Amino acid sequence: MMKQLVDKTGPGTKVEDPTEEVLPGDLMTNRQRAQLVLVLGALIAIGPLTIDMYLPALPAITTGLQTTETAVQLTLTGTLVGLALGQLLIGPLSDVVGRRMPLLAGLVAHIVASVLCVFAPNIAVLGALRVLQGLGVAAATVVATAVVRDLFSGASFARIFSRLMLVMGLAPILAPTLGSGLLSWTDWRGVFAALAVLGALLIVVAALKLPETLPVARRRHGGIGATMRDYRGLLNDRAFVGLVLVAGLAMAALFAYVSGSSFVLQREYGLDEQEFGLAFGAGAVGLIAATQFNVRLLRRFTPQQILVSALIAGTAAGLLLVMFAVTGFGGLGTLLASLWLVLAATGLAMPNAPALAMSRHSEAAGTAAALLGAVQFGIGALSAPLAGLFGTGSVPMAVVIAGGMAASLLVMLFVVPRASLGTVDPDLAVALH
């Protein structure tokens, strides 16, 4: 039925109001929309699961492959690099050839990489395979977002996309807990076997339940030249570039926590794998709660006001984190409290920076989203090994987290011209939460 709706509805289909264009999603029943959300939610969830599910196993991988903690952190960097490059390549590609082919190819790549990770003989091979995993994850993430854009617009787009963002937020909470559960009866290689099984299930679901949503008539033409012109136009917009850097630096603070927390909490503070999963999940709950609270704040404040306030609060919390890490004052309790404050501030900042950036380039929304995602994950990829260069203790992690938040604030204050920000479409602001 979903395929029939997509086939029958194309550009120019009108409703009773002759000025309003009908998209396929407008003709879906509530049941069909629920099915679509489940399918796309599963595709989006594979990204956080691939990134986070193996986090409790990082110390075990260090021992098992007889390598260093910094080298193991680089495997996380590899995934983020794959995500960044994949979004730059797959986003424009899916606009040209359609959604299904890049999606299915990406899932196949993810399955193959996951299976090979199970048998990785050393850390170099594991790191290279994690890049391939990241490329596969990028296909699922980009295509899921593009499908929503193909089928819905306006308030309908906002409602569907906000549900998917909730999935994106819940998946990191569940991932370390799932990984901890797996490690209670298998070793770290079993985590990658589980990711391979998940990828296999998703490729079956996508093949059977997700039709092509971009008809040939709506595909982009002009080849690589048109894509490069779009990227050049985006990079010439100072406000857009500044906002992308703000989002990327906030993401760097987040991924410094993601890559370093397992070593800090397990080795420095003595938590076991299950306790780490709970502590990590609690921080993710705070981040997601902040993103949902942001929707309420948008009724009273502008995205610019919320963003600047969140960055100030996050920088202050980051400095507290550095102080507690250096002095040891209050032990684990104050460290976690300040960490969670940073995460909450990040939860307020991360949706508003993309909303402000995306509102500037609706004519090239797909390319803008790809560049935004690539920069976010690219800068995040740099933050993971940066902390590891100075050790895997709480102080290096805290310094990189605080530095990311402070740099994000400075860019917002001194690079982004406030007068050029204008207003943000309310539907877009809600959709990015």
Protein backbone atom coordinates (compact mmCIF):
# COMPACT_ATOMS: atom_id res chain seq x y z
CA MET A 1 0.00 0.00 0.00
CA MET A 2 2.81 2.44 0.84
CA LYS A 3 4.42 1.76 -2.53
CA GLN A 4 1.13 2.44 -4.31
CA LEU A 5 0.82 5.79 -2.56
CA VAL A 6 4.34 6.77 -3.57
CA ASP A 7 3.80 5.68 -7.18
CA LYS A 8 0.48 7.49 -7.55
CA THR A 9 1.51 10.71 -5.89
CA GLY A 10 4.14 12.90 -7.48
CA PRO A 11 4.97 16.52 -8.03
CA GLY A 12 2.00 18.55 -9.06
CA THR A 13 -0.67 16.40 -7.40
CA LYS A 14 -3.17 18.78 -5.86
CA VAL A 15 -5.81 18.71 -3.17
CA GLU A 16 -8.97 20.76 -3.11
CA ASP A 17 -6.90 23.85 -2.36
CA PRO A 18 -5.22 24.41 -5.75
CA THR A 19 -2.23 26.09 -4.12
CA GLU A 20 -1.35 23.10 -1.95
CA GLU A 21 0.70 20.19 -3.25
CA VAL A 22 -0.06 16.69 -2.01
CA LEU A 23 2.85 14.52 -0.96
CA PRO A 24 2.48 10.73 -0.55
CA GLY A 25 2.60 11.00 3.24
CA ASP A 26 -0.53 13.15 3.21
CA LEU A 27 -2.53 10.16 1.90
CA MET A 28 -1.25 7.66 4.46
CA THR A 29 -3.45 6.28 7.19
CA ASN A 30 -2.33 6.47 10.82
CA ARG A 31 -1.40 2.80 10.66
CA GLN A 32 0.76 3.32 7.59
CA ARG A 33 2.48 6.28 9.22
CA ALA A 34 3.15 4.21 12.34
CA GLN A 35 4.67 1.46 10.19
CA LEU A 36 6.84 4.00 8.41
CA VAL A 37 8.06 5.48 11.70
CA LEU A 38 8.98 1.98 12.95
CA VAL A 39 10.96 1.17 9.80
CA LEU A 40 12.76 4.52 9.64
CA GLY A 41 13.31 4.53 13.41
CA ALA A 42 15.04 1.16 13.15
CA LEU A 43 17.27 2.50 10.36
CA ILE A 44 18.19 5.59 12.36
CA ALA A 45 18.83 3.56 15.52
CA ILE A 46 21.57 1.50 13.89
CA GLY A 47 23.86 4.55 13.98
CA PRO A 48 23.91 5.11 17.75
CA LEU A 49 23.93 1.34 18.33
CA THR A 50 26.99 0.93 16.11
CA ILE A 51 28.76 3.81 17.82
CA ASP A 52 27.86 3.09 21.44
CA MET A 53 27.09 -0.59 21.92
CA TYR A 54 30.75 -1.58 22.14
CA LEU A 55 31.74 1.19 24.57
CA PRO A 56 31.66 -1.03 27.70
CA ALA A 57 34.07 -3.37 25.88
CA LEU A 58 36.79 -0.78 25.15
CA PRO A 59 38.98 -1.82 28.10
CA ALA A 60 38.51 -5.49 27.16
CA ILE A 61 39.46 -4.76 23.53
CA THR A 62 42.62 -3.01 24.76
CA THR A 63 43.62 -6.14 26.66
CA GLY A 64 42.43 -8.65 24.06
CA LEU A 65 44.26 -7.09 21.13
CA GLN A 66 47.27 -6.13 23.27
CA THR A 67 47.15 -2.49 22.26
CA THR A 68 46.91 0.93 23.86
CA GLU A 69 43.85 2.77 25.10
CA THR A 70 44.50 5.59 22.63
CA ALA A 71 44.57 3.13 19.73
CA VAL A 72 41.26 1.64 20.85
CA GLN A 73 39.71 5.11 20.99
CA LEU A 74 40.76 5.56 17.36
CA THR A 75 38.33 2.77 16.41
CA LEU A 76 35.56 5.11 17.51
CA THR A 77 37.17 7.85 15.44
CA GLY A 78 37.08 5.50 12.46
CA THR A 79 33.33 5.08 12.78
CA LEU A 80 32.80 8.84 12.96
CA VAL A 81 35.06 9.42 9.95
CA GLY A 82 32.99 6.91 7.99
CA LEU A 83 29.81 8.67 9.07
CA ALA A 84 31.17 12.06 8.03
CA LEU A 85 32.45 10.98 4.61
CA GLY A 86 29.40 8.83 4.01
CA GLN A 87 26.99 11.70 4.51
CA LEU A 88 28.90 13.92 2.08
CA LEU A 89 28.85 11.19 -0.59
CA ILE A 90 25.59 9.34 -0.02
CA GLY A 91 23.37 12.39 0.53
CA PRO A 92 23.88 13.85 -2.98
CA LEU A 93 24.04 10.34 -4.51
CA SER A 94 20.60 9.46 -3.16
CA ASP A 95 19.21 12.63 -4.75
CA VAL A 96 20.45 11.39 -8.13
CA VAL A 97 19.82 7.61 -8.14
CA GLY A 98 17.03 7.31 -5.57
CA ARG A 99 16.90 6.13 -1.98
CA ARG A 100 16.77 2.32 -2.05
CA MET A 101 20.02 1.49 -3.84
CA PRO A 102 22.32 3.54 -1.53
CA LEU A 103 20.41 2.28 1.52
CA LEU A 104 20.64 -1.41 0.65
CA ALA A 105 24.29 -1.07 -0.42
CA GLY A 106 25.11 0.70 2.85
CA LEU A 107 23.42 -1.99 4.94
CA VAL A 108 25.35 -4.70 3.06
CA ALA A 109 28.59 -2.83 3.79
CA HIS A 110 27.63 -2.59 7.47
CA ILE A 111 26.90 -6.33 7.69
CA VAL A 112 30.16 -7.30 5.99
CA ALA A 113 32.18 -4.95 8.20
CA SER A 114 30.48 -6.21 11.36
CA VAL A 115 31.17 -9.85 10.49
CA LEU A 116 34.82 -9.08 9.74
CA CYS A 117 35.11 -7.16 13.04
CA VAL A 118 34.32 -10.43 14.82
CA PHE A 119 37.52 -11.91 13.38
CA ALA A 120 39.72 -8.78 13.49
CA PRO A 121 43.27 -9.95 14.34
CA ASN A 122 44.62 -6.57 15.46
CA ILE A 123 43.63 -3.01 16.22
CA ALA A 124 44.60 -1.66 12.77
CA VAL A 125 42.20 -4.01 11.01
CA LEU A 126 39.46 -3.29 13.53
CA GLY A 127 39.88 0.46 13.01
CA ALA A 128 39.66 0.14 9.21
CA LEU A 129 36.54 -2.00 9.49
CA ARG A 130 34.94 0.56 11.79
CA VAL A 131 35.34 3.15 9.00
CA LEU A 132 33.40 0.81 6.70
CA GLN A 133 30.76 0.38 9.41
CA GLY A 134 30.45 4.15 9.61
CA LEU A 135 29.90 4.41 5.85
CA GLY A 136 27.10 1.87 6.08
CA VAL A 137 25.52 3.68 9.01
CA ALA A 138 25.69 6.97 7.08
CA ALA A 139 23.59 5.44 4.30
CA ALA A 140 20.88 4.40 6.75
CA THR A 141 20.86 7.79 8.50
CA VAL A 142 20.87 9.94 5.35
CA VAL A 143 18.26 7.88 3.53
CA ALA A 144 15.90 7.72 6.52
CA THR A 145 16.00 11.51 6.76
CA ALA A 146 15.57 11.94 3.01
CA VAL A 147 12.56 9.59 2.94
CA VAL A 148 10.76 11.77 5.48
CA ARG A 149 11.54 14.81 3.33
CA ASP A 150 10.19 12.97 0.24
CA LEU A 151 6.90 12.03 1.85
CA PHE A 152 6.05 14.93 4.18
CA SER A 153 6.33 18.68 4.54
CA GLY A 154 5.42 21.37 7.05
CA ALA A 155 3.82 20.29 10.31
CA SER A 156 3.57 16.65 9.18
CA PHE A 157 7.31 16.59 8.53
CA ALA A 158 7.94 18.10 11.97
CA ARG A 159 5.83 15.50 13.77
CA ILE A 160 7.32 12.49 11.97
CA PHE A 161 10.89 13.74 12.21
CA SER A 162 10.59 14.62 15.90
CA ARG A 163 9.57 11.02 16.61
CA LEU A 164 12.64 9.80 14.75
CA MET A 165 14.84 12.16 16.74
CA LEU A 166 13.43 10.66 19.91
CA VAL A 167 14.56 7.26 18.62
CA MET A 168 17.98 8.80 17.90
CA GLY A 169 18.08 9.95 21.50
CA LEU A 170 16.86 6.73 23.09
CA ALA A 171 19.24 4.49 21.14
CA PRO A 172 22.42 5.83 22.84
CA ILE A 173 20.77 5.22 26.21
CA LEU A 174 20.02 1.60 25.38
CA ALA A 175 23.19 0.83 23.42
CA PRO A 176 25.75 0.64 26.28
CA THR A 177 23.22 -1.23 28.41
CA LEU A 178 22.67 -3.75 25.61
CA GLY A 179 26.41 -4.02 25.16
CA SER A 180 26.88 -4.60 28.88
CA GLY A 181 24.25 -7.33 28.78
CA LEU A 182 25.97 -9.04 25.87
CA LEU A 183 29.32 -8.87 27.64
CA SER A 184 27.87 -10.72 30.61
CA TRP A 185 27.75 -13.91 28.52
CA THR A 186 30.09 -13.26 25.55
CA ASP A 187 33.25 -11.30 24.80
CA TRP A 188 33.66 -8.09 22.81
CA ARG A 189 33.57 -9.93 19.49
CA GLY A 190 30.02 -11.01 20.29
CA VAL A 191 28.96 -7.34 20.24
CA PHE A 192 29.96 -7.09 16.58
CA ALA A 193 28.21 -10.37 15.82
CA ALA A 194 25.03 -8.84 17.26
CA LEU A 195 25.48 -5.75 15.05
CA ALA A 196 25.80 -8.03 12.00
CA VAL A 197 22.54 -9.78 12.92
CA LEU A 198 20.84 -6.40 13.39
CA GLY A 199 22.05 -5.26 9.98
CA ALA A 200 20.72 -8.45 8.37
CA LEU A 201 17.30 -7.91 9.93
CA LEU A 202 17.24 -4.29 8.76
CA ILE A 203 18.11 -5.14 5.17
CA VAL A 204 15.17 -7.58 5.05
CA VAL A 205 12.82 -4.99 6.56
CA ALA A 206 14.04 -2.24 4.22
CA ALA A 207 13.77 -4.46 1.13
CA LEU A 208 10.22 -5.56 1.96
CA LYS A 209 8.69 -2.54 3.68
CA LEU A 210 10.38 0.59 2.31
CA PRO A 211 9.59 1.46 -1.31
CA GLU A 212 11.47 3.93 -3.46
CA THR A 213 10.21 7.37 -2.38
CA LEU A 214 12.02 9.57 -4.92
CA PRO A 215 10.41 9.22 -8.37
CA VAL A 216 12.66 9.64 -11.40
CA ALA A 217 10.97 12.95 -12.26
CA ARG A 218 12.03 14.45 -8.94
CA ARG A 219 15.65 13.31 -8.99
CA ARG A 220 18.41 15.89 -9.17
CA HIS A 221 20.30 16.38 -12.40
CA GLY A 222 23.54 18.12 -13.20
CA GLY A 223 25.95 15.56 -11.79
CA ILE A 224 28.94 16.39 -9.66
CA GLY A 225 29.10 19.96 -10.98
CA ALA A 226 25.72 20.86 -9.48
CA THR A 227 26.69 19.26 -6.18
CA MET A 228 29.95 21.19 -6.02
CA ARG A 229 28.11 24.44 -6.75
CA ASP A 230 25.75 23.73 -3.88
CA TYR A 231 28.65 23.06 -1.50
CA ARG A 232 30.47 26.20 -2.68
CA GLY A 233 27.39 28.31 -2.04
CA LEU A 234 27.05 26.94 1.48
CA LEU A 235 30.72 27.50 2.30
CA ASN A 236 30.48 31.13 1.16
CA ASP A 237 27.78 31.81 3.77
CA ARG A 238 29.64 32.95 6.90
CA ALA A 239 26.66 32.55 9.21
CA PHE A 240 25.97 29.01 7.95
CA VAL A 241 29.61 27.97 8.32
CA GLY A 242 29.77 29.48 11.80
CA LEU A 243 26.62 27.67 12.93
CA VAL A 244 27.92 24.40 11.50
CA LEU A 245 31.14 24.89 13.49
CA VAL A 246 29.09 25.64 16.62
CA ALA A 247 27.22 22.35 16.16
CA GLY A 248 30.45 20.48 15.38
CA LEU A 249 32.33 21.77 18.43
CA ALA A 250 29.39 20.89 20.69
CA MET A 251 29.47 17.43 19.12
CA ALA A 252 33.22 17.27 19.87
CA ALA A 253 32.50 17.79 23.56
CA LEU A 254 29.90 15.02 23.42
CA PHE A 255 32.18 12.52 21.71
CA ALA A 256 35.08 13.29 24.03
CA TYR A 257 32.73 12.05 26.75
CA VAL A 258 31.61 9.06 24.66
CA SER A 259 35.15 7.92 23.87
CA GLY A 260 36.68 8.58 27.28
CA SER A 261 33.94 7.73 29.77
CA SER A 262 34.37 3.96 29.66
CA PHE A 263 38.05 4.20 30.66
CA VAL A 264 37.45 6.93 33.25
CA LEU A 265 34.46 5.31 34.94
CA GLN A 266 35.65 1.71 34.77
CA ARG A 267 39.40 2.00 35.33
CA GLU A 268 39.71 5.20 37.33
CA TYR A 269 36.53 4.92 39.41
CA GLY A 270 36.12 1.13 39.45
CA LEU A 271 32.66 0.71 37.89
CA ASP A 272 31.99 -2.65 36.25
CA GLU A 273 30.55 -2.97 32.75
CA GLN A 274 26.93 -3.04 33.94
CA GLU A 275 27.39 -0.05 36.28
CA PHE A 276 29.02 1.88 33.46
CA GLY A 277 26.04 1.15 31.22
CA LEU A 278 23.69 2.59 33.85
CA ALA A 279 25.83 5.71 34.42
CA PHE A 280 26.15 6.32 30.68
CA GLY A 281 22.43 5.82 30.22
CA ALA A 282 21.64 8.32 32.99
CA GLY A 283 23.69 10.96 31.18
CA ALA A 284 21.90 10.22 27.92
CA VAL A 285 18.55 10.59 29.70
CA GLY A 286 19.59 14.09 30.76
CA LEU A 287 20.59 14.99 27.23
CA ILE A 288 17.30 13.76 25.76
CA ALA A 289 15.25 15.44 28.47
CA ALA A 290 16.94 18.72 27.57
CA THR A 291 16.10 18.31 23.87
CA GLN A 292 12.44 17.73 24.72
CA PHE A 293 12.38 20.65 27.17
CA ASN A 294 13.78 22.77 24.38
CA VAL A 295 10.47 22.43 22.52
CA ARG A 296 8.76 24.20 25.43
CA LEU A 297 11.45 26.87 25.59
CA LEU A 298 10.92 27.66 21.92
CA ARG A 299 7.43 28.91 22.79
CA ARG A 300 8.97 31.76 24.79
CA PHE A 301 12.49 32.29 23.43
CA THR A 302 14.20 32.37 20.05
CA PRO A 303 16.59 29.60 19.00
CA GLN A 304 19.43 32.16 19.13
CA GLN A 305 18.68 33.00 22.76
CA ILE A 306 18.46 29.37 23.79
CA LEU A 307 21.63 28.47 21.91
CA VAL A 308 23.78 31.22 23.44
CA SER A 309 22.44 30.52 26.94
CA ALA A 310 23.06 26.78 26.57
CA LEU A 311 26.64 27.34 25.40
CA ILE A 312 27.35 29.66 28.34
CA ALA A 313 25.91 27.10 30.77
CA GLY A 314 27.79 24.25 29.09
CA THR A 315 31.09 26.12 29.24
CA ALA A 316 30.58 26.88 32.94
CA ALA A 317 29.72 23.24 33.65
CA GLY A 318 32.78 22.17 31.66
CA LEU A 319 35.04 24.34 33.78
CA LEU A 320 33.50 22.81 36.91
CA LEU A 321 34.18 19.39 35.43
CA VAL A 322 37.85 20.27 34.94
CA MET A 323 38.09 21.53 38.52
CA PHE A 324 36.53 18.36 39.96
CA ALA A 325 38.70 16.14 37.76
CA VAL A 326 41.92 17.93 38.77
CA THR A 327 41.19 18.19 42.50
CA GLY A 328 39.15 15.01 42.97
CA PHE A 329 36.77 17.02 45.14
CA GLY A 330 33.57 15.09 45.81
CA GLY A 331 34.77 11.98 44.00
CA LEU A 332 32.60 10.25 41.43
CA GLY A 333 29.44 12.12 42.45
CA THR A 334 30.62 15.61 41.51
CA LEU A 335 32.31 14.32 38.36
CA LEU A 336 29.08 12.72 37.13
CA ALA A 337 26.97 15.72 38.16
CA SER A 338 29.11 18.16 36.19
CA LEU A 339 29.26 15.76 33.24
CA TRP A 340 25.48 15.52 33.18
CA LEU A 341 25.16 19.30 33.29
CA VAL A 342 27.37 19.54 30.21
CA LEU A 343 25.26 16.90 28.48
CA ALA A 344 22.05 18.76 29.33
CA ALA A 345 23.49 21.99 27.92
CA THR A 346 24.55 20.09 24.80
CA GLY A 347 20.99 18.77 24.49
CA LEU A 348 19.77 22.37 24.32
CA ALA A 349 22.49 23.58 21.95
CA MET A 350 22.65 20.82 19.37
CA PRO A 351 19.09 21.12 17.95
CA ASN A 352 19.09 24.93 17.76
CA ALA A 353 22.35 25.36 15.88
CA PRO A 354 21.20 23.06 13.01
CA ALA A 355 17.76 24.72 12.98
CA LEU A 356 19.34 28.14 12.50
CA ALA A 357 21.75 26.81 9.86
CA MET A 358 19.17 24.82 7.87
CA SER A 359 16.70 27.71 7.81
CA ARG A 360 19.16 29.65 5.63
CA HIS A 361 19.28 27.18 2.72
CA SER A 362 15.93 25.52 2.08
CA GLU A 363 16.77 25.40 -1.65
CA ALA A 364 19.64 22.98 -0.96
CA ALA A 365 18.36 21.30 2.17
CA GLY A 366 19.78 17.85 1.37
CA THR A 367 23.28 19.11 0.66
CA ALA A 368 23.15 21.45 3.65
CA ALA A 369 22.12 18.58 5.92
CA ALA A 370 24.91 16.38 4.53
CA LEU A 371 27.53 19.08 5.13
CA LEU A 372 26.19 19.75 8.61
CA GLY A 373 26.30 16.08 9.55
CA ALA A 374 29.74 15.60 8.03
CA VAL A 375 31.23 18.50 9.99
CA GLN A 376 29.57 17.38 13.22
CA PHE A 377 30.89 13.84 13.00
CA GLY A 378 34.20 14.96 11.49
CA ILE A 379 35.00 17.28 14.40
CA GLY A 380 33.67 14.65 16.78
CA ALA A 381 36.10 12.18 15.22
CA LEU A 382 39.01 14.50 16.05
CA SER A 383 37.97 14.92 19.68
CA ALA A 384 38.12 11.21 20.52
CA PRO A 385 41.88 10.71 19.92
CA LEU A 386 42.69 14.24 21.11
CA ALA A 387 41.80 13.33 24.69
CA GLY A 388 43.62 10.01 24.34
CA LEU A 389 46.87 11.72 23.35
CA PHE A 390 47.18 13.01 26.92
CA GLY A 391 46.03 9.81 28.59
CA THR A 392 42.66 8.24 29.31
CA GLY A 393 42.06 9.71 32.74
CA SER A 394 39.37 12.13 33.85
CA VAL A 395 41.52 15.28 33.45
CA PRO A 396 42.24 14.95 29.68
CA MET A 397 38.60 14.04 29.03
CA ALA A 398 37.37 17.01 31.06
CA VAL A 399 39.74 19.44 29.33
CA VAL A 400 38.60 18.39 25.85
CA ILE A 401 34.92 18.55 26.86
CA ALA A 402 35.30 22.02 28.37
CA GLY A 403 37.41 23.15 25.41
CA GLY A 404 34.78 22.03 22.92
CA MET A 405 32.02 23.90 24.72
CA ALA A 406 34.14 27.05 25.14
CA ALA A 407 35.22 27.04 21.49
CA SER A 408 31.60 26.58 20.41
CA LEU A 409 30.58 29.61 22.51
CA LEU A 410 33.39 31.75 21.09
CA VAL A 411 32.44 30.91 17.50
CA MET A 412 28.81 31.75 18.22
CA LEU A 413 29.70 35.10 19.77
CA PHE A 414 32.44 36.27 17.41
CA VAL A 415 32.02 34.45 14.08
CA VAL A 416 28.28 34.16 13.51
CA PRO A 417 26.83 37.57 12.55
CA ARG A 418 23.70 37.88 14.68
CA ALA A 419 22.01 40.37 12.37
CA SER A 420 21.97 37.81 9.55
CA LEU A 421 20.23 35.01 11.45
CA GLY A 422 16.68 36.19 10.89
CA THR A 423 13.80 33.94 11.89
CA VAL A 424 13.40 30.18 11.90
CA ASP A 425 10.42 28.26 10.53
CA PRO A 426 8.65 26.90 13.64
CA ASP A 427 8.05 23.54 11.94
CA LEU A 428 11.77 23.20 11.22
CA ALA A 429 12.72 24.16 14.77
CA VAL A 430 10.41 21.49 16.19
CA ALA A 431 11.50 18.89 13.66
CA LEU A 432 15.12 19.13 14.74
CA HIS A 433 14.28 18.15 18.31
